[in-house]
Amino acid sequence: MFLIEIACPRGALTADDREELAGEVCRVLVGAEEGVAEETMSRARAMMHVGFRELDSWTTGDGAWKPGRVPPLWVTLTVPEAWRTEMSRTSIGMVRRAVRRLDRSYGWERPEGHLWINVVGIADGSIGMDGKPGTADDVVGRMTAEYRARTDAAHADLPDGVTVDPMCGMRVRLGRGAVTLEHEGRTMGFCAKSCRAAYAREHGLPVPA
């Protein structure tokens, strides 16, 4: 779940600019990622939305923005609060790279302070997926439902030291730094703490810190 709003001065970006920037943001955040089940990625792409908001009279402390100058951008990513801390650094960097691609296409040198990318978390119970109050676990469950319905998911041929996240289907290499959980005598590997927490709650296990 990514809800992304990009604010810019009115008239600063063309329709093609907006389309290309939105497409690049989608690509870097939920594009085809190696080792992730396509069923999960397909649902993640469907649950991601990018929109633009043009603002009148955009003004900084140095005065009003003028056409012809590099347009400031203010990007807000809305995600479940349970994911925010873990994903903020990576997501901000990915969106920054997408903006830099736009800047390069125009030869813009973006001034300091002219790009803000803020990640906002929505608390459990206030996530209104499909118009119903839900939780981060509900979002994970919806995103991974198709993959988890496959009966052969747990029997895929894997290299030594590699396991499959039972929630989303991503291949996870076990070892130092891996996100894991012991369950029924097995070491389960997860792509992120959010998937591990959802799995633990689903199976009535203590949620690791």
C-alpha atoms as a PDB file:
ATOM      1  CA  MET A   1       0.000   0.000   0.000  1.00  0.00           C
ATOM      2  CA  PHE A   2       1.473   3.260  -1.194  1.00  0.00           C
ATOM      3  CA  LEU A   3      -0.671   6.374  -1.529  1.00  0.00           C
ATOM      4  CA  ILE A   4       1.521   9.076  -3.047  1.00  0.00           C
ATOM      5  CA  GLU A   5       0.631  12.720  -3.574  1.00  0.00           C
ATOM      6  CA  ILE A   6       3.051  14.986  -5.430  1.00  0.00           C
ATOM      7  CA  ALA A   7       2.450  18.724  -4.977  1.00  0.00           C
ATOM      8  CA  CYS A   8       4.001  21.244  -7.356  1.00  0.00           C
ATOM      9  CA  PRO A   9       3.425  24.840  -8.461  1.00  0.00           C
ATOM     10  CA  ARG A  10       0.586  25.142 -10.947  1.00  0.00           C
ATOM     11  CA  GLY A  11       1.844  24.820 -14.503  1.00  0.00           C
ATOM     12  CA  ALA A  12       5.339  23.720 -13.463  1.00  0.00           C
ATOM     13  CA  LEU A  13       5.029  20.211 -14.925  1.00  0.00           C
ATOM     14  CA  THR A  14       3.507  19.189 -18.230  1.00  0.00           C
ATOM     15  CA  ALA A  15       1.051  16.311 -18.571  1.00  0.00           C
ATOM     16  CA  ASP A  16       3.916  14.217 -19.982  1.00  0.00           C
ATOM     17  CA  ASP A  17       6.124  15.160 -17.018  1.00  0.00           C
ATOM     18  CA  ARG A  18       3.446  14.027 -14.582  1.00  0.00           C
ATOM     19  CA  GLU A  19       2.828  10.781 -16.422  1.00  0.00           C
ATOM     20  CA  GLU A  20       6.521   9.950 -16.656  1.00  0.00           C
ATOM     21  CA  LEU A  21       7.263  10.861 -13.031  1.00  0.00           C
ATOM     22  CA  ALA A  22       4.293   8.836 -11.762  1.00  0.00           C
ATOM     23  CA  GLY A  23       5.373   5.872 -13.879  1.00  0.00           C
ATOM     24  CA  GLU A  24       8.951   6.081 -12.613  1.00  0.00           C
ATOM     25  CA  VAL A  25       7.802   6.302  -8.980  1.00  0.00           C
ATOM     26  CA  CYS A  26       5.655   3.206  -9.504  1.00  0.00           C
ATOM     27  CA  ARG A  27       8.505   1.399 -11.203  1.00  0.00           C
ATOM     28  CA  VAL A  28      11.051   2.012  -8.453  1.00  0.00           C
ATOM     29  CA  LEU A  29       8.641   1.194  -5.618  1.00  0.00           C
ATOM     30  CA  VAL A  30       6.630  -1.744  -6.958  1.00  0.00           C
ATOM     31  CA  GLY A  31       8.325  -2.737 -10.190  1.00  0.00           C
ATOM     32  CA  ALA A  32       9.323  -6.304 -10.925  1.00  0.00           C
ATOM     33  CA  GLU A  33      11.698  -7.144  -8.079  1.00  0.00           C
ATOM     34  CA  GLU A  34      13.908 -10.193  -8.275  1.00  0.00           C
ATOM     35  CA  GLY A  35      12.846 -12.935  -5.889  1.00  0.00           C
ATOM     36  CA  VAL A  36       9.315 -11.628  -5.212  1.00  0.00           C
ATOM     37  CA  ALA A  37       6.296 -13.681  -6.244  1.00  0.00           C
ATOM     38  CA  GLU A  38       4.582 -12.082  -9.232  1.00  0.00           C
ATOM     39  CA  GLU A  39       1.179 -12.628  -7.608  1.00  0.00           C
ATOM     40  CA  THR A  40       2.256 -10.419  -4.707  1.00  0.00           C
ATOM     41  CA  MET A  41       3.803  -7.749  -6.930  1.00  0.00           C
ATOM     42  CA  SER A  42       0.697  -7.660  -9.121  1.00  0.00           C
ATOM     43  CA  ARG A  43      -1.488  -6.952  -6.116  1.00  0.00           C
ATOM     44  CA  ALA A  44       0.994  -4.423  -4.741  1.00  0.00           C
ATOM     45  CA  ARG A  45       0.901  -2.513  -8.026  1.00  0.00           C
ATOM     46  CA  ALA A  46      -2.907  -2.490  -7.983  1.00  0.00           C
ATOM     47  CA  MET A  47      -2.898  -1.099  -4.427  1.00  0.00           C
ATOM     48  CA  MET A  48      -0.519   1.767  -5.257  1.00  0.00           C
ATOM     49  CA  HIS A  49      -1.883   5.162  -6.290  1.00  0.00           C
ATOM     50  CA  VAL A  50      -0.012   8.282  -7.404  1.00  0.00           C
ATOM     51  CA  GLY A  51      -1.662  11.660  -7.892  1.00  0.00           C
ATOM     52  CA  PHE A  52      -0.620  15.264  -8.452  1.00  0.00           C
ATOM     53  CA  ARG A  53      -1.836  18.425  -6.783  1.00  0.00           C
ATOM     54  CA  GLU A  54      -1.031  21.779  -8.370  1.00  0.00           C
ATOM     55  CA  LEU A  55      -0.854  24.686  -5.951  1.00  0.00           C
ATOM     56  CA  ASP A  56      -1.355  28.367  -6.690  1.00  0.00           C
ATOM     57  CA  SER A  57       0.994  31.120  -5.481  1.00  0.00           C
ATOM     58  CA  TRP A  58       3.752  28.757  -4.343  1.00  0.00           C
ATOM     59  CA  THR A  59       6.072  30.843  -2.211  1.00  0.00           C
ATOM     60  CA  THR A  60       9.270  30.118  -0.316  1.00  0.00           C
ATOM     61  CA  GLY A  61      11.104  32.334   2.135  1.00  0.00           C
ATOM     62  CA  ASP A  62      12.966  33.740  -0.879  1.00  0.00           C
ATOM     63  CA  GLY A  63       9.764  34.787  -2.635  1.00  0.00           C
ATOM     64  CA  ALA A  64       7.252  33.410  -5.120  1.00  0.00           C
ATOM     65  CA  TRP A  65       8.211  30.638  -7.532  1.00  0.00           C
ATOM     66  CA  LYS A  66       8.454  31.882 -11.112  1.00  0.00           C
ATOM     67  CA  PRO A  67       7.986  29.849 -14.316  1.00  0.00           C
ATOM     68  CA  GLY A  68      11.314  28.899 -15.827  1.00  0.00           C
ATOM     69  CA  ARG A  69      12.881  28.106 -12.476  1.00  0.00           C
ATOM     70  CA  VAL A  70      13.331  24.602 -11.112  1.00  0.00           C
ATOM     71  CA  PRO A  71       9.948  23.746  -9.571  1.00  0.00           C
ATOM     72  CA  PRO A  72       9.948  22.707  -5.922  1.00  0.00           C
ATOM     73  CA  LEU A  73       8.235  19.387  -5.217  1.00  0.00           C
ATOM     74  CA  TRP A  74       6.516  18.205  -2.048  1.00  0.00           C
ATOM     75  CA  VAL A  75       5.892  14.453  -2.007  1.00  0.00           C
ATOM     76  CA  THR A  76       3.817  12.656   0.636  1.00  0.00           C
ATOM     77  CA  LEU A  77       3.854   8.872   0.922  1.00  0.00           C
ATOM     78  CA  THR A  78       1.049   7.447   3.036  1.00  0.00           C
ATOM     79  CA  VAL A  79       1.627   3.926   4.404  1.00  0.00           C
ATOM     80  CA  PRO A  80       0.501   1.851   7.393  1.00  0.00           C
ATOM     81  CA  GLU A  81       2.141   3.193  10.556  1.00  0.00           C
ATOM     82  CA  ALA A  82       3.480  -0.297  11.312  1.00  0.00           C
ATOM     83  CA  TRP A  83       5.613  -0.102   8.158  1.00  0.00           C
ATOM     84  CA  ARG A  84       6.760   3.513   8.365  1.00  0.00           C
ATOM     85  CA  THR A  85      10.011   3.317  10.331  1.00  0.00           C
ATOM     86  CA  GLU A  86      11.301   0.251   8.544  1.00  0.00           C
ATOM     87  CA  MET A  87      10.574   1.443   5.014  1.00  0.00           C
ATOM     88  CA  SER A  88      11.097   5.223   5.195  1.00  0.00           C
ATOM     89  CA  ARG A  89      14.793   5.418   4.355  1.00  0.00           C
ATOM     90  CA  THR A  90      14.551   3.079   1.365  1.00  0.00           C
ATOM     91  CA  SER A  91      11.325   4.561  -0.004  1.00  0.00           C
ATOM     92  CA  ILE A  92      12.532   8.158   0.288  1.00  0.00           C
ATOM     93  CA  GLY A  93      15.690   7.239  -1.601  1.00  0.00           C
ATOM     94  CA  MET A  94      13.730   5.512  -4.358  1.00  0.00           C
ATOM     95  CA  VAL A  95      11.404   8.467  -4.889  1.00  0.00           C
ATOM     96  CA  ARG A  96      14.383  10.844  -4.839  1.00  0.00           C
ATOM     97  CA  ARG A  97      15.943   8.842  -7.686  1.00  0.00           C
ATOM     98  CA  ALA A  98      12.728   9.097  -9.688  1.00  0.00           C
ATOM     99  CA  VAL A  99      12.714  12.885  -9.272  1.00  0.00           C
ATOM    100  CA  ARG A 100      16.367  13.086 -10.294  1.00  0.00           C
ATOM    101  CA  ARG A 101      15.502  11.372 -13.559  1.00  0.00           C
ATOM    102  CA  LEU A 102      12.987  14.154 -14.282  1.00  0.00           C
ATOM    103  CA  ASP A 103      15.586  16.775 -13.336  1.00  0.00           C
ATOM    104  CA  ARG A 104      18.169  15.263 -15.689  1.00  0.00           C
ATOM    105  CA  SER A 105      15.722  15.309 -18.582  1.00  0.00           C
ATOM    106  CA  TYR A 106      15.527  19.113 -18.246  1.00  0.00           C
ATOM    107  CA  GLY A 107      19.112  19.702 -17.155  1.00  0.00           C
ATOM    108  CA  TRP A 108      17.850  21.081 -13.850  1.00  0.00           C
ATOM    109  CA  GLU A 109      20.146  21.564 -10.881  1.00  0.00           C
ATOM    110  CA  ARG A 110      17.679  21.333  -8.004  1.00  0.00           C
ATOM    111  CA  PRO A 111      18.431  23.861  -5.222  1.00  0.00           C
ATOM    112  CA  GLU A 112      18.740  22.584  -1.676  1.00  0.00           C
ATOM    113  CA  GLY A 113      15.414  22.507   0.122  1.00  0.00           C
ATOM    114  CA  HIS A 114      13.406  22.232  -3.136  1.00  0.00           C
ATOM    115  CA  LEU A 115      12.494  18.566  -2.671  1.00  0.00           C
ATOM    116  CA  TRP A 116      10.622  17.241   0.362  1.00  0.00           C
ATOM    117  CA  ILE A 117       9.635  13.570   0.613  1.00  0.00           C
ATOM    118  CA  ASN A 118       7.667  12.833   3.762  1.00  0.00           C
ATOM    119  CA  VAL A 119       6.403   9.420   4.860  1.00  0.00           C
ATOM    120  CA  VAL A 120       3.162   9.519   6.844  1.00  0.00           C
ATOM    121  CA  GLY A 121       1.873   6.526   8.805  1.00  0.00           C
ATOM    122  CA  ILE A 122      -1.780   5.587   9.287  1.00  0.00           C
ATOM    123  CA  ALA A 123      -2.630   3.800  12.539  1.00  0.00           C
ATOM    124  CA  ASP A 124      -4.317   0.397  12.648  1.00  0.00           C
ATOM    125  CA  GLY A 125      -8.064   0.839  12.603  1.00  0.00           C
ATOM    126  CA  SER A 126      -7.764   4.006  10.531  1.00  0.00           C
ATOM    127  CA  ILE A 127      -6.618   2.313   7.313  1.00  0.00           C
ATOM    128  CA  GLY A 128      -9.687   2.458   5.093  1.00  0.00           C
ATOM    129  CA  MET A 129      -8.862  -0.117   2.419  1.00  0.00           C
ATOM    130  CA  ASP A 130     -11.940  -0.581   0.215  1.00  0.00           C
ATOM    131  CA  GLY A 131     -13.792   1.758   2.554  1.00  0.00           C
ATOM    132  CA  LYS A 132     -13.529  -0.506   5.610  1.00  0.00           C
ATOM    133  CA  PRO A 133     -11.425   0.117   8.741  1.00  0.00           C
ATOM    134  CA  GLY A 134      -8.445  -2.213   8.743  1.00  0.00           C
ATOM    135  CA  THR A 135      -4.914  -2.853   9.939  1.00  0.00           C
ATOM    136  CA  ALA A 136      -1.453  -3.222   8.440  1.00  0.00           C
ATOM    137  CA  ASP A 137      -1.911  -6.987   8.715  1.00  0.00           C
ATOM    138  CA  ASP A 138      -5.088  -6.717   6.643  1.00  0.00           C
ATOM    139  CA  VAL A 139      -3.129  -4.908   3.939  1.00  0.00           C
ATOM    140  CA  VAL A 140      -0.422  -7.600   3.955  1.00  0.00           C
ATOM    141  CA  GLY A 141      -3.083 -10.283   3.856  1.00  0.00           C
ATOM    142  CA  ARG A 142      -4.820  -8.727   0.861  1.00  0.00           C
ATOM    143  CA  MET A 143      -1.554  -8.144  -0.965  1.00  0.00           C
ATOM    144  CA  THR A 144      -0.366 -11.732  -0.486  1.00  0.00           C
ATOM    145  CA  ALA A 145      -3.647 -13.655  -0.699  1.00  0.00           C
ATOM    146  CA  GLU A 146      -3.175 -14.962  -4.232  1.00  0.00           C
ATOM    147  CA  TYR A 147       0.369 -16.143  -3.601  1.00  0.00           C
ATOM    148  CA  ARG A 148      -0.561 -17.829  -0.337  1.00  0.00           C
ATOM    149  CA  ALA A 149      -3.404 -19.710  -2.024  1.00  0.00           C
ATOM    150  CA  ARG A 150      -0.869 -21.624  -4.120  1.00  0.00           C
ATOM    151  CA  THR A 151      -0.442 -25.119  -2.737  1.00  0.00           C
ATOM    152  CA  ASP A 152       3.035 -25.524  -4.215  1.00  0.00           C
ATOM    153  CA  ALA A 153       4.548 -22.381  -2.697  1.00  0.00           C
ATOM    154  CA  ALA A 154       6.308 -24.194   0.141  1.00  0.00           C
ATOM    155  CA  HIS A 155       7.794 -26.821  -2.152  1.00  0.00           C
ATOM    156  CA  ALA A 156       9.776 -24.632  -4.532  1.00  0.00           C
ATOM    157  CA  ASP A 157      13.330 -25.735  -5.304  1.00  0.00           C
ATOM    158  CA  LEU A 158      15.647 -23.414  -3.403  1.00  0.00           C
ATOM    159  CA  PRO A 159      19.413 -23.081  -3.042  1.00  0.00           C
ATOM    160  CA  ASP A 160      20.974 -23.946   0.306  1.00  0.00           C
ATOM    161  CA  GLY A 161      20.565 -21.151   2.837  1.00  0.00           C
ATOM    162  CA  VAL A 162      17.573 -19.641   1.033  1.00  0.00           C
ATOM    163  CA  THR A 163      13.967 -19.813   2.157  1.00  0.00           C
ATOM    164  CA  VAL A 164      10.690 -18.282   1.004  1.00  0.00           C
ATOM    165  CA  ASP A 165       8.808 -15.665   2.988  1.00  0.00           C
ATOM    166  CA  PRO A 166       5.557 -17.521   3.770  1.00  0.00           C
ATOM    167  CA  MET A 167       3.595 -14.272   3.619  1.00  0.00           C
ATOM    168  CA  CYS A 168       4.632 -12.674   0.328  1.00  0.00           C
ATOM    169  CA  GLY A 169       6.732 -15.270  -1.494  1.00  0.00           C
ATOM    170  CA  MET A 170       9.985 -13.334  -1.575  1.00  0.00           C
ATOM    171  CA  ARG A 171      13.154 -15.408  -1.507  1.00  0.00           C
ATOM    172  CA  VAL A 172      15.180 -14.671   1.640  1.00  0.00           C
ATOM    173  CA  ARG A 173      18.796 -15.631   2.229  1.00  0.00           C
ATOM    174  CA  LEU A 174      19.282 -16.754   5.817  1.00  0.00           C
ATOM    175  CA  GLY A 175      22.238 -15.474   7.741  1.00  0.00           C
ATOM    176  CA  ARG A 176      23.388 -12.381   9.553  1.00  0.00           C
ATOM    177  CA  GLY A 177      20.855  -9.593   9.337  1.00  0.00           C
ATOM    178  CA  ALA A 178      18.036 -11.799   8.036  1.00  0.00           C
ATOM    179  CA  VAL A 179      14.547 -11.265   9.463  1.00  0.00           C
ATOM    180  CA  THR A 180      13.621 -14.668  10.880  1.00  0.00           C
ATOM    181  CA  LEU A 181      11.238 -16.454  13.200  1.00  0.00           C
ATOM    182  CA  GLU A 182      11.388 -19.931  14.699  1.00  0.00           C
ATOM    183  CA  HIS A 183       8.141 -21.861  14.248  1.00  0.00           C
ATOM    184  CA  GLU A 184       7.445 -25.572  14.586  1.00  0.00           C
ATOM    185  CA  GLY A 185      11.136 -26.405  14.491  1.00  0.00           C
ATOM    186  CA  ARG A 186      11.783 -24.381  11.333  1.00  0.00           C
ATOM    187  CA  THR A 187      13.591 -21.125  10.746  1.00  0.00           C
ATOM    188  CA  MET A 188      11.233 -18.943   8.766  1.00  0.00           C
ATOM    189  CA  GLY A 189      12.696 -16.085   6.726  1.00  0.00           C
ATOM    190  CA  PHE A 190      10.853 -12.844   5.955  1.00  0.00           C
ATOM    191  CA  CYS A 191      11.435  -9.940   3.585  1.00  0.00           C
ATOM    192  CA  ALA A 192      10.638  -7.391   6.307  1.00  0.00           C
ATOM    193  CA  LYS A 193       9.558  -7.102   9.918  1.00  0.00           C
ATOM    194  CA  SER A 194       6.027  -6.222   8.790  1.00  0.00           C
ATOM    195  CA  CYS A 195       5.605  -9.614   7.098  1.00  0.00           C
ATOM    196  CA  ARG A 196       7.103 -11.373  10.134  1.00  0.00           C
ATOM    197  CA  ALA A 197       4.746  -9.550  12.514  1.00  0.00           C
ATOM    198  CA  ALA A 198       1.721 -10.389  10.375  1.00  0.00           C
ATOM    199  CA  TYR A 199       2.750 -14.065  10.282  1.00  0.00           C
ATOM    200  CA  ALA A 200       3.345 -14.168  14.038  1.00  0.00           C
ATOM    201  CA  ARG A 201      -0.053 -12.644  14.835  1.00  0.00           C
ATOM    202  CA  GLU A 202      -1.796 -14.949  12.376  1.00  0.00           C
ATOM    203  CA  HIS A 203      -0.289 -17.988  14.120  1.00  0.00           C
ATOM    204  CA  GLY A 204      -0.671 -16.737  17.674  1.00  0.00           C
ATOM    205  CA  LEU A 205       3.056 -16.314  18.226  1.00  0.00           C
ATOM    206  CA  PRO A 206       4.835 -13.576  20.168  1.00  0.00           C
ATOM    207  CA  VAL A 207       5.702 -10.695  17.840  1.00  0.00           C
ATOM    208  CA  PRO A 208       9.467 -10.078  17.944  1.00  0.00           C
ATOM    209  CA  ALA A 209      10.600  -6.539  18.665  1.00  0.00           C
END
